[in-house]
Amino acid sequence: RYVSDIFVPLYFSTAGILVNFDDISNPWVIPVIIVTSWIAKSLSGAFGALVAGCHGKEIWAIMSCLNSKGLTEIVILSIGYEAGLFNSQLYSLGFLYILCFFVSLPVYLQLVCT
């Protein structure tokens, strides 16, 4: 427990230092990326939940949890950026997308599961 309380926020902070919003030339790209990725991940989560036999609110809960697995995505994003696979603009957009879903998960789950 102490490891996750200390090192996870530290990792998010160090990964966030590399974000540069000045590199995002078109501000309309941000909502397009967020909406497109949310739809793609939600549909794949709903499909998996239906195949597994889930119904109703269980499907929505699985969709929201699938959208919030930000730590794995940040690790992959950071490795790709350091390896030169992503430029600064793509890294910043990806980090913003991950942050939006990670922060909004508790509110979304409260709405879906009650």
C-alpha atoms as a PDB file:
ATOM      1  CA  ARG A   1       0.000   0.000   0.000  1.00  0.00           C
ATOM      2  CA  TYR A   2       2.767   2.453   0.839  1.00  0.00           C
ATOM      3  CA  VAL A   3       4.441   1.829  -2.487  1.00  0.00           C
ATOM      4  CA  SER A   4       1.327   2.773  -4.436  1.00  0.00           C
ATOM      5  CA  ASP A   5       0.683   5.777  -2.184  1.00  0.00           C
ATOM      6  CA  ILE A   6       4.145   7.184  -2.884  1.00  0.00           C
ATOM      7  CA  PHE A   7       5.353   5.977  -6.262  1.00  0.00           C
ATOM      8  CA  VAL A   8       2.195   6.143  -8.380  1.00  0.00           C
ATOM      9  CA  PRO A   9       1.643   9.888  -7.813  1.00  0.00           C
ATOM     10  CA  LEU A  10       5.367  10.431  -8.270  1.00  0.00           C
ATOM     11  CA  TYR A  11       5.276   8.604 -11.598  1.00  0.00           C
ATOM     12  CA  PHE A  12       2.247  10.594 -12.781  1.00  0.00           C
ATOM     13  CA  SER A  13       4.034  13.803 -11.820  1.00  0.00           C
ATOM     14  CA  THR A  14       7.250  12.977 -13.651  1.00  0.00           C
ATOM     15  CA  ALA A  15       5.332  11.845 -16.731  1.00  0.00           C
ATOM     16  CA  GLY A  16       3.285  15.056 -16.643  1.00  0.00           C
ATOM     17  CA  ILE A  17       6.400  17.230 -16.638  1.00  0.00           C
ATOM     18  CA  LEU A  18       7.045  16.219 -20.264  1.00  0.00           C
ATOM     19  CA  VAL A  19       3.650  17.536 -21.408  1.00  0.00           C
ATOM     20  CA  ASN A  20       3.883  20.664 -23.549  1.00  0.00           C
ATOM     21  CA  PHE A  21       0.543  22.129 -24.612  1.00  0.00           C
ATOM     22  CA  ASP A  22       2.260  24.691 -26.822  1.00  0.00           C
ATOM     23  CA  ASP A  23       2.951  21.869 -29.285  1.00  0.00           C
ATOM     24  CA  ILE A  24      -0.763  21.307 -29.889  1.00  0.00           C
ATOM     25  CA  SER A  25      -1.305  23.499 -32.916  1.00  0.00           C
ATOM     26  CA  ASN A  26      -5.037  22.948 -33.371  1.00  0.00           C
ATOM     27  CA  PRO A  27      -7.169  23.069 -30.189  1.00  0.00           C
ATOM     28  CA  TRP A  28      -9.998  21.173 -31.916  1.00  0.00           C
ATOM     29  CA  VAL A  29      -7.808  18.078 -31.956  1.00  0.00           C
ATOM     30  CA  ILE A  30      -8.218  17.666 -28.189  1.00  0.00           C
ATOM     31  CA  PRO A  31     -11.993  16.985 -28.090  1.00  0.00           C
ATOM     32  CA  VAL A  32     -11.774  14.874 -31.243  1.00  0.00           C
ATOM     33  CA  ILE A  33      -9.098  12.654 -29.683  1.00  0.00           C
ATOM     34  CA  ILE A  34     -10.991  12.357 -26.387  1.00  0.00           C
ATOM     35  CA  VAL A  35     -14.374  11.563 -27.956  1.00  0.00           C
ATOM     36  CA  THR A  36     -12.945   9.145 -30.530  1.00  0.00           C
ATOM     37  CA  SER A  37     -10.924   7.236 -27.968  1.00  0.00           C
ATOM     38  CA  TRP A  38     -13.834   7.132 -25.517  1.00  0.00           C
ATOM     39  CA  ILE A  39     -16.144   5.701 -28.177  1.00  0.00           C
ATOM     40  CA  ALA A  40     -13.616   3.096 -29.320  1.00  0.00           C
ATOM     41  CA  LYS A  41     -12.779   1.909 -25.811  1.00  0.00           C
ATOM     42  CA  SER A  42     -16.416   1.965 -24.700  1.00  0.00           C
ATOM     43  CA  LEU A  43     -17.620  -0.074 -27.653  1.00  0.00           C
ATOM     44  CA  SER A  44     -14.887  -2.659 -27.208  1.00  0.00           C
ATOM     45  CA  GLY A  45     -15.642  -2.847 -23.474  1.00  0.00           C
ATOM     46  CA  ALA A  46     -19.367  -3.207 -24.123  1.00  0.00           C
ATOM     47  CA  PHE A  47     -18.728  -5.947 -26.656  1.00  0.00           C
ATOM     48  CA  GLY A  48     -16.514  -7.831 -24.204  1.00  0.00           C
ATOM     49  CA  ALA A  49     -19.074  -7.412 -21.422  1.00  0.00           C
ATOM     50  CA  LEU A  50     -21.873  -8.698 -23.644  1.00  0.00           C
ATOM     51  CA  VAL A  51     -19.793 -11.709 -24.683  1.00  0.00           C
ATOM     52  CA  ALA A  52     -19.109 -12.394 -20.994  1.00  0.00           C
ATOM     53  CA  GLY A  53     -22.847 -12.310 -20.265  1.00  0.00           C
ATOM     54  CA  CYS A  54     -23.102  -8.992 -18.427  1.00  0.00           C
ATOM     55  CA  HIS A  55     -26.249  -6.877 -18.575  1.00  0.00           C
ATOM     56  CA  GLY A  56     -27.422  -3.351 -17.783  1.00  0.00           C
ATOM     57  CA  LYS A  57     -25.316  -1.331 -15.379  1.00  0.00           C
ATOM     58  CA  GLU A  58     -22.580  -3.975 -15.345  1.00  0.00           C
ATOM     59  CA  ILE A  59     -21.834  -3.126 -18.971  1.00  0.00           C
ATOM     60  CA  TRP A  60     -21.580   0.592 -18.174  1.00  0.00           C
ATOM     61  CA  ALA A  61     -19.315  -0.116 -15.196  1.00  0.00           C
ATOM     62  CA  ILE A  62     -16.997  -2.255 -17.318  1.00  0.00           C
ATOM     63  CA  MET A  63     -16.928   0.403 -20.034  1.00  0.00           C
ATOM     64  CA  SER A  64     -15.988   3.123 -17.561  1.00  0.00           C
ATOM     65  CA  CYS A  65     -13.300   1.038 -15.877  1.00  0.00           C
ATOM     66  CA  LEU A  66     -11.802   0.152 -19.245  1.00  0.00           C
ATOM     67  CA  ASN A  67     -11.586   3.852 -20.083  1.00  0.00           C
ATOM     68  CA  SER A  68      -9.713   4.635 -16.882  1.00  0.00           C
ATOM     69  CA  LYS A  69      -6.735   2.292 -16.926  1.00  0.00           C
ATOM     70  CA  GLY A  70      -4.386   5.214 -17.179  1.00  0.00           C
ATOM     71  CA  LEU A  71      -1.260   3.904 -15.483  1.00  0.00           C
ATOM     72  CA  THR A  72      -0.621   1.255 -18.130  1.00  0.00           C
ATOM     73  CA  GLU A  73      -1.238   3.756 -20.903  1.00  0.00           C
ATOM     74  CA  ILE A  74       1.099   6.330 -19.357  1.00  0.00           C
ATOM     75  CA  VAL A  75       3.854   3.730 -19.088  1.00  0.00           C
ATOM     76  CA  ILE A  76       3.424   2.803 -22.761  1.00  0.00           C
ATOM     77  CA  LEU A  77       3.184   6.456 -23.774  1.00  0.00           C
ATOM     78  CA  SER A  78       6.338   7.355 -21.825  1.00  0.00           C
ATOM     79  CA  ILE A  79       8.337   4.459 -23.267  1.00  0.00           C
ATOM     80  CA  GLY A  80       7.219   5.355 -26.792  1.00  0.00           C
ATOM     81  CA  TYR A  81       8.126   9.001 -26.276  1.00  0.00           C
ATOM     82  CA  GLU A  82      11.562   8.203 -24.875  1.00  0.00           C
ATOM     83  CA  ALA A  83      12.191   5.753 -27.730  1.00  0.00           C
ATOM     84  CA  GLY A  84      11.299   8.455 -30.263  1.00  0.00           C
ATOM     85  CA  LEU A  85       8.121   6.751 -31.500  1.00  0.00           C
ATOM     86  CA  PHE A  86       5.899   9.680 -30.452  1.00  0.00           C
ATOM     87  CA  ASN A  87       6.528  13.373 -30.891  1.00  0.00           C
ATOM     88  CA  SER A  88       5.788  15.932 -28.184  1.00  0.00           C
ATOM     89  CA  GLN A  89       2.353  16.776 -29.612  1.00  0.00           C
ATOM     90  CA  LEU A  90       1.161  13.164 -29.587  1.00  0.00           C
ATOM     91  CA  TYR A  91       2.569  12.621 -26.101  1.00  0.00           C
ATOM     92  CA  SER A  92       0.775  15.724 -24.787  1.00  0.00           C
ATOM     93  CA  LEU A  93      -2.532  14.714 -26.385  1.00  0.00           C
ATOM     94  CA  GLY A  94      -2.243  11.182 -25.045  1.00  0.00           C
ATOM     95  CA  PHE A  95      -1.432  12.367 -21.552  1.00  0.00           C
ATOM     96  CA  LEU A  96      -4.340  14.818 -21.572  1.00  0.00           C
ATOM     97  CA  TYR A  97      -6.705  12.073 -22.719  1.00  0.00           C
ATOM     98  CA  ILE A  98      -5.507   9.725 -19.972  1.00  0.00           C
ATOM     99  CA  LEU A  99      -5.754  12.425 -17.330  1.00  0.00           C
ATOM    100  CA  CYS A 100      -9.316  13.352 -18.339  1.00  0.00           C
ATOM    101  CA  PHE A 101     -10.583   9.803 -18.000  1.00  0.00           C
ATOM    102  CA  PHE A 102      -8.590   8.997 -14.878  1.00  0.00           C
ATOM    103  CA  VAL A 103      -9.867  12.053 -13.006  1.00  0.00           C
ATOM    104  CA  SER A 104     -13.480  11.661 -14.146  1.00  0.00           C
ATOM    105  CA  LEU A 105     -13.786   7.952 -13.258  1.00  0.00           C
ATOM    106  CA  PRO A 106     -15.114   8.338  -9.675  1.00  0.00           C
ATOM    107  CA  VAL A 107     -17.839  10.743 -10.790  1.00  0.00           C
ATOM    108  CA  TYR A 108     -18.747   8.593 -13.777  1.00  0.00           C
ATOM    109  CA  LEU A 109     -18.926   5.400 -11.696  1.00  0.00           C
ATOM    110  CA  GLN A 110     -21.096   7.175  -9.131  1.00  0.00           C
ATOM    111  CA  LEU A 111     -23.537   8.164 -11.900  1.00  0.00           C
ATOM    112  CA  VAL A 112     -23.520   4.766 -13.580  1.00  0.00           C
ATOM    113  CA  CYS A 113     -23.615   2.442 -10.591  1.00  0.00           C
ATOM    114  CA  THR A 114     -26.261   4.155  -8.479  1.00  0.00           C
END
